[in-house]
Protein backbone atom coordinates (compact mmCIF):
# COMPACT_ATOMS: atom_id res chain seq x y z
CA UNK A 1 -23.77 5.80 11.97
CA UNK A 2 -21.62 8.71 12.09
CA UNK A 3 -17.95 7.14 13.07
CA UNK A 4 -16.58 9.71 14.89
CA UNK A 5 -19.08 8.93 16.91
CA UNK A 6 -19.61 5.50 18.98
CA UNK A 7 -21.83 4.12 21.84
CA UNK A 8 -19.97 2.27 24.34
CA UNK A 9 -20.60 -1.16 23.04
CA UNK A 10 -19.55 0.26 19.46
CA UNK A 11 -15.82 1.03 20.60
CA UNK A 12 -15.78 -2.57 22.37
CA UNK A 13 -16.58 -4.22 18.75
CA UNK A 14 -14.51 -1.70 16.77
CA UNK A 15 -11.53 -1.96 19.41
CA UNK A 16 -11.34 -5.51 18.96
CA UNK A 17 -11.96 -5.65 15.76
CA UNK A 18 -9.16 -2.80 14.44
CA UNK A 19 -6.54 -4.75 16.79
CA UNK A 20 -6.63 -7.93 14.97
CA UNK A 21 -6.67 -6.06 11.60
CA UNK A 22 -3.52 -3.65 12.70
CA UNK A 23 -2.19 -6.98 13.31
CA UNK A 24 -2.29 -8.18 10.56
CA UNK A 25 -1.59 -4.94 8.31
CA UNK A 26 1.85 -5.04 10.74
CA UNK A 27 2.62 -8.23 9.93
CA UNK A 28 2.31 -7.89 5.52
CA UNK A 29 4.17 -4.55 5.75
CA UNK A 30 6.55 -4.60 8.78
CA UNK A 31 7.32 -8.14 10.08
CA UNK A 32 8.68 -10.19 6.86
CA UNK A 33 11.71 -12.07 8.05
CA UNK A 34 13.44 -14.19 5.05
CA UNK A 35 11.96 -17.75 6.86
CA UNK A 36 8.57 -15.89 6.45
CA UNK A 37 8.82 -14.21 3.10
CA UNK A 38 10.46 -17.12 0.79
CA UNK A 39 7.78 -19.32 -1.10
CA UNK A 40 9.34 -22.25 -2.49
CA UNK A 41 11.74 -23.14 -5.33
CA UNK A 42 8.26 -24.64 -6.68
CA UNK A 43 6.39 -21.58 -6.48
CA UNK A 44 6.82 -18.07 -8.78
CA UNK A 45 6.63 -15.23 -7.32
CA UNK A 46 5.57 -12.13 -9.90
CA UNK A 47 4.10 -9.38 -7.70
CA UNK A 48 3.84 -5.64 -6.28
CA UNK A 49 3.97 -3.38 -9.86
CA UNK A 50 4.35 0.03 -9.82
CA UNK A 51 4.76 1.96 -12.78
CA UNK A 52 7.26 4.19 -13.07
CA UNK A 53 5.68 8.34 -13.06
CA UNK A 54 5.54 8.51 -17.08
CA UNK A 55 4.47 5.14 -17.74
CA UNK A 56 6.70 3.64 -19.59
CA UNK A 57 8.59 1.56 -17.12
CA UNK A 58 7.69 -0.92 -14.17
CA UNK A 59 9.17 -2.16 -11.24
CA UNK A 60 8.06 -5.97 -9.41
CA UNK A 61 8.99 -8.43 -7.14
CA UNK A 62 9.68 -11.88 -8.59
CA UNK A 63 11.36 -14.88 -7.36
CA UNK A 64 12.80 -15.64 -10.71
CA UNK A 65 16.28 -15.31 -9.65
CA UNK A 66 15.82 -17.60 -6.54
CA UNK A 67 15.14 -15.35 -3.71
CA UNK A 68 12.72 -11.85 -3.74
CA UNK A 69 14.79 -9.28 -5.94
CA UNK A 70 13.48 -5.87 -7.44
CA UNK A 71 13.13 -6.00 -10.97
CA UNK A 72 12.63 -3.35 -13.78
CA UNK A 73 11.52 -3.69 -17.35
CA UNK A 74 10.41 -1.43 -19.54
CA UNK A 75 6.75 -1.31 -21.53
CA UNK A 76 8.30 -2.84 -24.84
CA UNK A 77 9.42 -6.08 -22.79
CA UNK A 78 12.99 -4.95 -23.37
CA UNK A 79 16.06 -3.24 -21.13
CA UNK A 80 14.75 -6.22 -18.71
CA UNK A 81 17.30 -6.33 -15.87
CA UNK A 82 17.12 -7.69 -12.29
CA UNK A 83 17.69 -4.10 -10.03
CA UNK A 84 19.21 -5.91 -6.41
CA UNK A 85 20.52 -8.53 -7.98
CA UNK A 86 23.78 -7.72 -6.01
CA UNK A 87 21.78 -8.42 -2.59
CA UNK A 88 22.78 -11.73 -1.29
CA UNK A 89 20.56 -14.01 1.96
CA UNK A 90 17.77 -11.19 1.88
CA UNK A 91 14.26 -10.68 0.10
CA UNK A 92 13.52 -7.05 -1.36
CA UNK A 93 10.02 -6.40 -1.80
CA UNK A 94 7.58 -2.94 -1.99
CA UNK A 95 9.47 -1.07 -5.15
CA UNK A 96 8.42 2.57 -4.78
CA UNK A 97 9.41 5.05 -7.81
CA UNK A 98 10.11 8.38 -6.94
CA UNK A 99 8.08 11.24 -7.97
CA UNK A 100 10.55 11.68 -10.85
CA UNK A 101 11.38 8.39 -11.62
CA UNK A 102 15.22 8.36 -11.22
CA UNK A 103 14.92 6.65 -8.04
CA UNK A 104 13.46 3.59 -5.62
CA UNK A 105 13.29 2.51 -2.46
CA UNK A 106 12.54 -1.04 -1.26
CA UNK A 107 12.43 -2.89 1.80
CA UNK A 108 15.28 -5.40 2.17
CA UNK A 109 15.17 -8.04 5.23
CA UNK A 110 17.41 -10.21 6.61
CA UNK A 111 17.68 -12.06 9.81
CA UNK A 112 14.21 -10.90 10.59
CA UNK A 113 15.49 -7.28 10.48
CA UNK A 114 14.23 -4.74 7.66
CA UNK A 115 15.85 -1.87 6.14
CA UNK A 116 14.78 0.65 3.53
CA UNK A 117 17.08 1.42 0.90
CA UNK A 118 17.00 4.14 -1.76
CA UNK A 119 18.56 2.58 -5.75
CA UNK A 120 18.99 4.85 -8.27
CA UNK A 121 17.40 3.16 -11.70
CA UNK A 122 20.35 5.24 -13.97
CA UNK A 123 23.92 3.68 -12.11
CA UNK A 124 22.29 0.80 -9.61
CA UNK A 125 23.64 2.73 -6.84
CA UNK A 126 22.24 1.44 -3.68
CA UNK A 127 22.00 3.17 0.10
CA UNK A 128 20.70 1.70 3.18
CA UNK A 129 19.24 5.03 4.04
CA UNK A 130 18.27 3.54 7.38
CA UNK A 131 21.01 1.84 8.55
CA UNK A 132 21.83 3.97 11.64
CA UNK A 133 18.30 2.84 12.66
CA UNK A 134 18.57 0.22 15.76
CA UNK A 135 14.61 -0.76 14.91
CA UNK A 136 13.42 -2.58 12.23
CA UNK A 137 11.50 -0.01 9.11
CA UNK A 138 9.63 -0.13 6.45
CA UNK A 139 6.11 1.32 5.14
CA UNK A 140 8.18 3.95 3.05
CA UNK A 141 6.80 6.50 0.64
CA UNK A 142 8.40 10.00 -1.07
CA UNK A 143 7.23 12.90 -0.51
CA UNK A 144 5.42 15.17 -3.67
CA UNK A 145 8.65 16.46 -4.58
CA UNK A 146 10.87 13.27 -3.75
CA UNK A 147 13.45 15.12 -1.11
CA UNK A 148 11.79 13.01 1.75
CA UNK A 149 11.00 9.91 2.84
CA UNK A 150 7.39 8.83 5.41
CA UNK A 151 8.33 5.30 7.02
CA UNK A 152 7.04 3.45 10.14
CA UNK A 153 9.76 2.53 12.93
CA UNK A 154 8.92 -1.21 14.91
CA UNK A 155 10.42 -2.79 17.57
CA UNK A 156 7.51 -5.33 17.60
CA UNK A 157 3.69 -5.45 17.11
CA UNK A 158 2.02 -3.03 18.46
CA UNK A 159 5.03 -0.77 19.34
CA UNK A 160 5.22 1.33 15.45
CA UNK A 161 6.30 4.92 15.15
CA UNK A 162 6.47 7.21 11.89
CA UNK A 163 9.46 8.81 11.01
CA UNK A 164 10.46 10.88 8.43
CA UNK A 165 13.90 11.66 6.69
CA UNK A 166 15.94 13.21 3.62
CA UNK A 167 16.34 11.23 0.78
CA UNK A 168 19.69 10.41 1.59
CA UNK A 169 19.34 8.80 4.81
CA UNK A 170 20.27 12.59 6.49
CA UNK A 171 18.05 14.76 8.97
CA UNK A 172 16.23 12.06 10.60
CA UNK A 173 13.42 13.02 12.90
CA UNK A 174 10.32 10.79 14.74
CA UNK A 175 7.32 12.31 14.46
CA UNK A 176 5.11 10.34 16.97
CA UNK A 177 6.31 8.72 20.25
CA UNK A 178 3.67 7.19 22.89
CA UNK A 179 2.36 3.61 23.12
CA UNK A 180 0.30 3.74 20.79
CA UNK A 181 1.39 1.40 17.50
CA UNK A 182 1.34 4.12 14.66
CA UNK A 183 1.33 3.29 10.97
CA UNK A 184 0.47 3.47 7.37
CA UNK A 185 1.82 7.00 6.11
CA UNK A 186 1.47 9.00 3.47
CA UNK A 187 2.42 12.25 2.60
CA UNK A 188 -0.41 15.48 1.43
CA UNK A 189 -0.32 17.02 -1.86
CA UNK A 190 1.30 20.09 -0.25
CA UNK A 191 4.53 17.83 1.18
CA UNK A 192 4.16 20.28 4.33
CA UNK A 193 1.58 17.00 6.20
CA UNK A 194 1.63 13.28 6.77
CA UNK A 195 -1.26 11.14 8.12
CA UNK A 196 -0.65 7.99 9.67
CA UNK A 197 -2.80 5.36 11.49
CA UNK A 198 -2.72 5.32 15.46
CA UNK A 199 -4.41 2.58 17.27
CA UNK A 200 -4.90 2.62 21.17
CA UNK A 201 -5.90 0.36 23.69
CA UNK A 202 -9.49 1.46 23.50
CA UNK A 203 -9.77 3.64 19.92
CA UNK A 204 -8.38 3.93 16.92
CA UNK A 205 -8.28 6.90 14.41
CA UNK A 206 -6.89 8.66 11.13
CA UNK A 207 -4.27 11.94 12.00
CA UNK A 208 -3.06 14.61 10.50
CA UNK A 209 -0.16 16.35 11.53
CA UNK A 210 2.21 19.02 9.68
CA UNK A 211 5.51 18.09 9.71
CA UNK A 212 7.29 20.91 11.23
CA UNK A 213 4.61 21.09 14.29
CA UNK A 214 5.08 16.76 15.02
CA UNK A 215 3.35 17.86 18.16
CA UNK A 216 0.00 19.38 16.97
CA UNK A 217 -2.05 15.95 15.77
CA UNK A 218 -5.30 16.17 14.25
CA UNK A 219 -7.63 13.37 14.95
CA UNK A 220 -9.97 13.56 11.43
CA UNK A 221 -11.91 10.26 11.72
CA UNK A 222 -11.92 7.36 14.37
CA UNK A 223 -12.88 3.30 13.98
CA UNK A 224 -10.81 2.94 10.65
CA UNK A 225 -9.72 0.34 9.26
CA UNK A 226 -7.88 1.72 5.88
CA UNK A 227 -7.70 4.81 3.78
CA UNK A 228 -5.92 6.55 0.94
CA UNK A 229 -6.30 10.59 -0.13
CA UNK A 230 -7.65 11.83 -3.40
CA UNK A 231 -5.13 13.02 -5.66
CA UNK A 232 -5.65 16.66 -5.21
CA UNK A 233 -5.76 15.60 -0.98
CA UNK A 234 -9.08 17.92 -0.76
CA UNK A 235 -10.52 14.50 0.51
CA UNK A 236 -9.88 11.03 1.86
CA UNK A 237 -11.25 7.93 1.58
CA UNK A 238 -11.76 5.17 4.15
CA UNK A 239 -13.59 2.21 5.29
CA UNK A 240 -15.06 0.99 8.99
CA UNK A 241 -17.50 -1.34 10.16
CA UNK A 242 -20.67 -1.88 9.62
CA UNK A 243 -22.56 -1.34 13.18
CA UNK A 244 -24.89 -4.38 12.90
CA UNK A 245 -22.40 -7.32 11.04
CA UNK A 246 -18.39 -7.58 12.55
CA UNK A 247 -16.78 -8.64 9.49
CA UNK A 248 -18.77 -6.46 7.26
CA UNK A 249 -17.61 -2.84 6.24
CA UNK A 250 -18.51 0.66 4.61
CA UNK A 251 -16.50 3.16 2.80
CA UNK A 252 -16.81 7.04 3.85
CA UNK A 253 -15.64 10.08 2.12
CA UNK A 254 -14.18 12.71 4.45
CA UNK A 255 -13.77 16.53 3.29
CA UNK A 256 -11.24 17.13 6.55
CA UNK A 257 -12.25 21.46 5.26
CA UNK A 258 -15.52 21.28 6.29
CA UNK A 259 -15.73 17.96 8.39
CA UNK A 260 -18.50 16.83 5.73
CA UNK A 261 -19.20 12.78 5.89
CA UNK A 262 -20.39 10.49 3.50
CA UNK A 263 -21.16 7.03 3.32
CA UNK A 264 -20.53 6.01 -0.18
CA UNK A 265 -21.35 2.15 -0.22
CA UNK A 266 -25.14 2.99 1.47
CA UNK A 267 -26.86 -0.75 1.76
CA UNK A 268 -23.79 -2.30 -0.26
CA UNK A 269 -21.76 -5.16 1.76
CA UNK A 270 -18.48 -5.63 1.58
CA UNK A 271 -15.97 -8.31 3.93
CA UNK A 272 -12.53 -7.74 4.60
CA UNK A 273 -11.72 -4.19 2.49
CA UNK A 274 -7.82 -4.07 2.33
CA UNK A 275 -6.88 -1.39 0.20
CA UNK A 276 -8.93 1.81 -2.04
CA UNK A 277 -7.21 3.40 -4.88
CA UNK A 278 -7.72 6.27 -5.99
CA UNK A 279 -7.87 7.32 -10.25
CA UNK A 280 -5.86 9.69 -11.45
CA UNK A 281 -8.73 11.74 -12.29
CA UNK A 282 -10.12 11.84 -8.81
CA UNK A 283 -13.99 10.54 -10.28
CA UNK A 284 -13.49 6.92 -9.49
CA UNK A 285 -11.79 4.31 -5.93
CA UNK A 286 -11.44 0.91 -6.83
CA UNK A 287 -11.79 -1.33 -3.75
CA UNK A 288 -10.21 -4.42 -3.05
CA UNK A 289 -11.64 -6.80 -0.50
CA UNK A 290 -13.08 -10.46 -0.05
CA UNK A 291 -15.45 -12.67 -2.03
CA UNK A 292 -15.97 -15.85 -1.50
CA UNK A 293 -12.80 -16.87 0.13
CA UNK A 294 -10.67 -14.65 -2.95
CA UNK A 295 -9.73 -11.62 -3.28
CA UNK A 296 -11.37 -9.46 -6.04
CA UNK A 297 -11.46 -5.98 -7.50
CA UNK A 298 -14.50 -3.22 -7.78
CA UNK A 299 -14.84 0.18 -9.24
CA UNK A 300 -16.65 2.89 -7.24
CA UNK A 301 -18.54 6.08 -9.23
CA UNK A 302 -17.70 9.09 -7.18
CA UNK A 303 -20.37 10.85 -9.03
CA UNK A 304 -23.33 8.30 -9.48
CA UNK A 305 -22.04 6.15 -6.03
CA UNK A 306 -22.24 2.82 -8.87
CA UNK A 307 -20.22 -0.20 -7.86
CA UNK A 308 -18.86 -2.08 -10.64
CA UNK A 309 -17.23 -5.51 -10.51
CA UNK A 310 -14.26 -6.28 -12.12
CA UNK A 311 -13.76 -9.78 -11.47
CA UNK A 312 -15.83 -13.39 -10.81
CA UNK A 313 -15.06 -13.72 -7.27
CA UNK A 314 -13.16 -17.27 -8.76
CA UNK A 315 -9.44 -16.18 -9.67
CA UNK A 316 -7.82 -16.36 -7.00
CA UNK A 317 -6.40 -13.40 -4.99
CA UNK A 318 -6.54 -10.43 -6.96
CA UNK A 319 -4.56 -7.68 -5.86
CA UNK A 320 -1.35 -4.59 -5.64
CA UNK A 321 -4.19 -2.51 -7.87
CA UNK A 322 -2.54 0.59 -9.41
CA UNK A 323 -4.18 2.65 -12.03
CA UNK A 324 -1.90 4.04 -15.22
CA UNK A 325 -1.13 7.07 -15.44
CA UNK A 326 -4.27 7.94 -17.61
CA UNK A 327 -7.06 6.08 -16.40
CA UNK A 328 -6.75 3.53 -18.70
CA UNK A 329 -5.69 0.80 -17.42
CA UNK A 330 -5.72 -1.69 -14.38
CA UNK A 331 -2.38 -3.18 -13.08
CA UNK A 332 -2.74 -5.92 -10.40
CA UNK A 333 -1.23 -9.04 -9.12
CA UNK A 334 -3.04 -12.13 -8.84
CA UNK A 335 -2.39 -15.19 -7.29
CA UNK A 336 -3.83 -18.80 -7.41
CA UNK A 337 -2.58 -22.49 -7.42
CA UNK A 338 0.52 -21.42 -6.21
CA UNK A 339 2.05 -19.55 -8.19
CA UNK A 340 1.91 -15.46 -8.22
CA UNK A 341 1.83 -13.22 -11.55
CA UNK A 342 1.45 -9.75 -13.27
CA UNK A 343 -1.83 -8.73 -14.50
CA UNK A 344 -2.81 -6.27 -16.09
CA UNK A 345 -7.03 -5.04 -17.93
CA UNK A 346 -8.76 -2.50 -19.29
CA UNK A 347 -10.54 0.37 -17.07
CA UNK A 348 -13.97 -1.01 -16.86
CA UNK A 349 -12.40 -4.56 -16.37
CA UNK A 350 -12.49 -5.83 -20.12
CA UNK A 351 -9.37 -7.71 -21.64
CA UNK A 352 -7.46 -8.96 -18.24
CA UNK A 353 -3.73 -10.25 -19.88
CA UNK A 354 -0.78 -11.41 -17.70
CA UNK A 355 2.41 -9.67 -18.24
CA UNK A 356 4.84 -12.00 -18.25
CA UNK A 357 5.27 -15.82 -19.28
CA UNK A 358 4.49 -17.98 -16.93
CA UNK A 359 5.92 -21.16 -17.87
CA UNK A 360 9.96 -20.01 -17.88
CA UNK A 361 12.00 -17.31 -16.85
CA UNK A 362 12.14 -15.21 -19.69
CA UNK A 363 10.56 -11.96 -19.06
CA UNK A 364 7.91 -10.95 -22.08
CA UNK A 365 5.79 -7.74 -21.67
CA UNK A 366 2.72 -7.47 -23.46
CA UNK A 367 1.17 -4.08 -21.73
CA UNK A 368 1.32 -2.56 -25.60
């Protein structure tokens, strides 16, 4: 199937499935209230790991202090601290390092309202950069040079728009307006273009817009679930649905400059793919997908199209994956038995190990 061409039947099935998926994504990323997010005092959560650009620090979310806070530790297990310990009656999630590693943006959720904050790591200074925006804000991503932030503005499910601003909260601009639901923004490496997903009443699409010309929106591909750009921005990998099976997914590769589309998964069936993550050298893609009631990880080699399972589909839900900058390790969170913890393994799936002590509140780092 060419994802840009559909029969009426395919469009009907695609819209229903994509609408359901859009609602799930929106609920997870943009509509967490404090009541929804709190896991309970008996449950421990250490998740959402993200490596600093130089690989020396890890920011993550933990409930070790009672609520969801953003924590930081170095790769020697020293200098461990709670970055957001000053926040009260709220939950801080989804940390993202700035490209220079000096700042972290995160979402703070309180009384059903979500704001985006930027913290300076060296001195702990916090700025609510979306304070003047009345709607909920989330899904924030840094521009390649760290000078701007793209994010989602929402008043409710199915009513998201894409906005950008300077990293200090100034010069706020809405890039999208209308009746569609716009979300999942991503900067291209050139820093001049932003891509995003659009869900409408009859179709879904991946779109590309030049920041300086926001009215000139280019539709790259339709019937899309999730996507990820290659490190150099020449390719975009995305998932769509197989024609003959409602819940089965395929992975495709698009080269926008030549409008070339290639099926990467062939006859291999995936169900419920939720994320794609490129390796730093652009030669492999990590796949997170459902498997026997769990979520597990696979690795797709682009040269050979070989797909290798990195887990056995029995160890809970593995997600929030990230490559180390040298491509030798994979960082992820794993959830099972009411506990979410941080794990790391070699890029071939060998030697998986838990990064943090599971039996107390002492942080013990075993990355190196």
